[in-house]
Protein backbone atom coordinates (compact mmCIF):
# COMPACT_ATOMS: atom_id res chain seq x y z
CA MET A 1 -0.64 -0.81 12.70
CA LYS A 2 -2.77 -3.94 12.96
CA ILE A 3 -4.09 -3.80 9.39
CA LYS A 4 -2.51 -5.95 6.70
CA PHE A 5 -0.87 -3.84 3.95
CA LEU A 6 0.34 -4.79 0.53
CA LEU A 7 3.38 -2.72 -0.30
CA ILE A 8 2.48 -0.38 -3.16
CA ILE A 9 5.75 1.37 -3.90
CA ALA A 10 8.55 -1.02 -2.97
CA PHE A 11 11.66 0.51 -4.46
CA PHE A 12 14.21 -2.08 -3.50
CA LEU A 13 17.37 0.05 -3.87
CA THR A 14 20.46 -0.21 -1.70
CA ALA A 15 23.44 2.00 -2.37
CA THR A 16 25.84 -0.48 -0.79
CA LEU A 17 25.43 -3.22 -3.41
CA GLY A 18 28.73 -4.25 -4.94
CA PHE A 19 27.26 -5.48 -8.24
CA GLY A 20 25.26 -4.26 -11.16
CA GLN A 21 24.01 -5.19 -14.58
CA ASN A 22 24.58 -3.01 -17.57
CA GLN A 23 21.55 -1.45 -19.26
CA LYS A 24 21.77 -3.74 -22.28
CA GLU A 25 21.56 -6.89 -20.14
CA ALA A 26 18.67 -5.50 -18.05
CA THR A 27 16.74 -4.42 -21.19
CA LYS A 28 17.15 -7.87 -22.70
CA VAL A 29 15.61 -9.53 -19.66
CA LEU A 30 12.78 -6.97 -19.41
CA LYS A 31 11.78 -7.56 -22.99
CA LYS A 32 11.24 -11.22 -22.20
CA ILE A 33 9.01 -10.52 -19.17
CA LYS A 34 5.39 -10.19 -20.23
CA LYS A 35 3.63 -11.04 -16.95
CA ILE A 36 4.45 -10.40 -13.28
CA GLU A 37 4.42 -14.18 -12.64
CA GLN A 38 7.65 -14.40 -14.68
CA VAL A 39 9.55 -12.23 -12.22
CA GLU A 40 10.13 -15.06 -9.73
CA LYS A 41 11.27 -17.37 -12.49
CA TYR A 42 14.01 -14.97 -13.54
CA LYS A 43 15.06 -14.30 -9.93
CA LYS A 44 15.59 -18.02 -9.40
CA LYS A 45 17.84 -18.44 -12.44
CA LYS A 46 21.49 -18.90 -11.42
CA LYS A 47 22.72 -16.28 -13.84
CA HIS A 48 20.31 -13.77 -12.28
CA SER A 49 20.59 -14.83 -8.67
CA ASP A 50 22.31 -11.61 -7.60
CA TRP A 51 20.14 -9.30 -9.65
CA LYS A 52 17.74 -6.89 -7.96
CA ILE A 53 14.53 -7.80 -9.90
CA GLN A 54 11.37 -6.70 -8.20
CA GLN A 55 7.64 -6.13 -8.75
CA VAL A 56 6.52 -2.54 -8.25
CA LYS A 57 2.99 -1.14 -8.06
CA THR A 58 1.87 2.47 -8.04
CA MET A 59 -1.39 4.33 -8.34
CA GLY A 60 -2.57 7.19 -10.46
CA ILE A 61 -2.80 9.44 -7.43
CA ASP A 62 0.99 9.09 -7.15
CA SER A 63 1.48 10.76 -10.54
CA VAL A 64 3.38 13.70 -9.09
CA LYS A 65 5.87 11.43 -7.33
CA TYR A 66 6.15 8.77 -10.05
CA PRO A 67 5.09 10.38 -13.33
CA LYS A 68 6.96 7.93 -15.58
CA ALA A 69 5.37 4.91 -13.88
CA VAL A 70 1.88 6.33 -14.02
CA ASN A 71 2.02 7.80 -17.52
CA SER A 72 4.11 5.31 -19.54
CA GLU A 73 2.35 2.94 -21.96
CA ILE A 74 1.94 -0.79 -21.38
CA GLY A 75 5.16 -2.52 -22.43
CA GLU A 76 7.18 0.70 -22.31
CA ILE A 77 10.67 0.51 -20.72
CA PHE A 78 12.14 3.54 -19.00
CA THR A 79 14.96 4.42 -16.56
CA ASN A 80 14.88 6.23 -13.22
CA SER A 81 17.95 7.29 -11.26
CA TYR A 82 18.30 7.49 -7.48
CA ASP A 83 20.82 8.55 -4.85
CA ASN A 84 22.08 11.49 -6.93
CA GLY A 85 22.45 9.32 -10.01
CA LYS A 86 24.51 6.57 -8.28
CA ILE A 87 21.83 3.98 -8.78
CA SER A 88 19.78 3.37 -11.95
CA VAL A 89 16.71 1.17 -12.28
CA LEU A 90 15.17 0.06 -15.53
CA PHE A 91 11.42 -0.40 -15.39
CA LYS A 92 8.88 -2.04 -17.67
CA VAL A 93 5.18 -1.35 -17.41
CA LEU A 94 3.32 -4.69 -17.40
CA SER A 95 -0.30 -3.82 -16.76
CA ARG A 96 -2.73 -1.12 -15.73
CA LYS A 97 -6.23 -1.25 -14.41
CA ASN A 98 -8.69 0.99 -12.59
CA VAL A 99 -9.32 0.48 -8.85
CA GLU A 100 -11.67 2.01 -6.27
CA LEU A 101 -9.84 3.68 -3.35
CA SER A 102 -11.09 4.47 0.15
CA LYS A 103 -9.58 6.61 2.88
CA VAL A 104 -10.33 6.55 6.63
CA GLN A 105 -9.17 7.22 10.16
CA TYR A 106 -9.50 4.46 12.73
CA ILE A 107 -9.28 3.66 16.39
CA PHE A 108 -7.93 0.17 17.06
CA PHE A 109 -8.73 -2.18 19.95
CA ASP A 110 -6.76 -5.34 20.66
CA GLY A 111 -9.09 -8.16 21.62
CA SER A 112 -6.21 -10.08 23.17
CA LYS A 113 -5.84 -7.34 25.77
CA MET A 114 -9.50 -6.28 26.28
CA ASN A 115 -12.60 -8.47 26.30
CA LYS A 116 -15.31 -7.85 23.70
CA SER A 117 -17.73 -6.44 26.22
CA GLU A 118 -15.20 -3.81 27.34
CA ILE A 119 -14.40 -2.96 23.76
CA ASP A 120 -18.05 -2.53 22.79
CA SER A 121 -18.67 -0.33 25.82
CA THR A 122 -15.68 1.84 25.02
CA ARG A 123 -16.71 2.11 21.37
CA THR A 124 -20.16 3.31 22.47
CA VAL A 125 -18.51 6.03 24.54
CA ILE A 126 -16.37 7.06 21.56
CA LEU A 127 -19.34 7.27 19.21
CA ASN A 128 -21.24 9.40 21.75
CA LYS A 129 -18.28 11.72 22.27
CA TYR A 130 -17.88 12.15 18.48
CA THR A 131 -21.56 12.86 18.02
CA LYS A 132 -21.28 15.57 20.68
CA GLY A 133 -18.40 17.26 18.81
CA THR A 134 -15.12 15.71 20.02
CA ASP A 135 -12.57 15.70 17.21
CA PHE A 136 -11.86 12.18 15.96
CA THR A 137 -8.07 12.67 16.08
CA THR A 138 -8.40 13.61 19.75
CA LEU A 139 -10.33 10.40 20.31
CA VAL A 140 -7.65 8.40 18.48
CA LYS A 141 -4.94 9.78 20.78
CA GLU A 142 -7.00 8.88 23.85
CA TYR A 143 -8.16 5.38 22.90
CA THR A 144 -6.31 3.63 20.08
CA MET A 145 -4.14 0.62 21.03
CA ASP A 146 -1.66 0.70 18.19
CA GLY A 147 1.20 2.95 17.16
CA ASN A 148 -0.68 5.28 14.79
CA PRO A 149 -1.22 8.55 16.76
CA THR A 150 -3.66 10.03 14.19
CA GLY A 151 -5.36 6.88 13.01
CA ASP A 152 -4.97 8.11 9.44
CA LEU A 153 -4.58 5.56 6.65
CA PRO A 154 -3.33 6.21 3.12
CA TRP A 155 -5.70 5.53 0.22
CA PHE A 156 -6.23 1.82 -0.16
CA HIS A 157 -8.04 -0.54 -2.59
CA GLU A 158 -9.40 -4.03 -2.39
CA GLY A 159 -6.76 -6.52 -1.36
CA MET A 160 -4.63 -4.09 0.65
CA MET A 161 -6.49 -4.62 3.95
CA VAL A 162 -8.05 -7.58 5.69
CA LYS A 163 -11.33 -8.57 4.02
CA GLU A 164 -13.62 -7.76 6.95
CA PHE A 165 -12.21 -4.21 7.22
CA GLU A 166 -12.53 -3.57 3.52
CA GLU A 167 -16.08 -4.82 3.42
CA ALA A 168 -17.04 -2.53 6.23
CA VAL A 169 -15.33 0.54 4.75
CA MET A 170 -15.86 0.46 0.99
CA PRO A 171 -19.64 1.05 0.84
CA ARG A 172 -19.60 3.96 3.30
CA GLN A 173 -19.84 7.66 2.48
CA LYS A 174 -17.60 10.52 3.58
CA GLY A 175 -18.40 11.53 7.20
CA GLU A 176 -19.86 8.21 8.29
CA ILE A 177 -18.56 6.76 11.58
CA PHE A 178 -19.02 3.04 12.28
CA THR A 179 -17.49 -0.03 13.88
CA SER A 180 -15.66 -2.94 12.22
CA ASP A 181 -14.81 -6.36 13.76
CA VAL A 182 -12.18 -8.82 12.60
CA ASP A 183 -13.10 -11.56 15.04
CA SER A 184 -10.65 -14.09 13.62
CA ARG A 185 -7.71 -11.88 14.61
CA LYS A 186 -9.33 -10.15 17.60
CA TRP A 187 -9.00 -6.81 15.92
CA TYR A 188 -11.77 -4.24 16.55
CA TYR A 189 -12.21 -0.70 15.21
CA VAL A 190 -14.09 2.53 15.23
CA VAL A 191 -13.76 4.00 11.78
CA LEU A 192 -14.42 7.47 10.31
CA LYS A 193 -14.70 7.65 6.52
CA THR A 194 -12.76 10.82 5.76
CA HIS A 195 -13.22 10.95 1.95
CA ASP A 196 -15.59 9.62 -0.61
CA ASN A 197 -14.25 6.77 -2.74
CA ILE A 198 -12.31 7.67 -5.89
CA ILE A 199 -11.39 5.71 -8.96
CA THR A 200 -7.70 5.71 -10.05
CA SER A 201 -5.30 3.57 -12.07
CA LEU A 202 -3.13 0.86 -10.60
CA THR A 203 0.06 0.27 -12.62
CA GLU A 204 2.14 -2.87 -12.21
CA LEU A 205 5.80 -2.76 -13.22
CA VAL A 206 8.93 -4.83 -12.99
CA GLY A 207 12.25 -3.14 -12.23
CA ILE A 208 15.87 -4.19 -12.55
CA GLN A 209 18.70 -2.30 -10.97
CA TYR A 210 21.73 -1.81 -13.21
CA GLY A 211 25.06 -0.05 -12.94
CA MET A 212 26.62 1.52 -9.87
């Protein structure tokens, strides 16, 4: 994938860790953290240097997977367990805002391997084939130059992709097919807008692993 992603759910858990904090210690630290900018400060402290303290983000559309993260109040602290209860993570909800999401399929062309004229000619062929009824996924498999065999992207919001790609995608309506160029990186696309944009919440949390 040649599109820049920001990691949305970055659960940072490793079952092989040989350390852990107790819940009381973790709770004490979380109560002091009010903003995400404070996370790095606590990670750099010598007494917390081996703690697993991480920023986590999740969206309202993930409510089935992460109901506590999506539904907890700002400032609320809660625990989730993983690996059959072997690992526990204490989370604190720091902020929540609404974001606009888009969803697409794409065909990628690498401008370092094809010249722009060849790319434009090929994109014209693709657009004509699609107009005549060829399935977009079939076209992805035939033409794309990255490792995504379907060209499908998860829902994304502003800041998750490169700016040029976002600006091309966000205003479009479901069913529109179009091209997008990121000349500075020599990335070129044919894009199909597969869904209309939706509004959902984006929740920002901090998590601390405790106990083993």
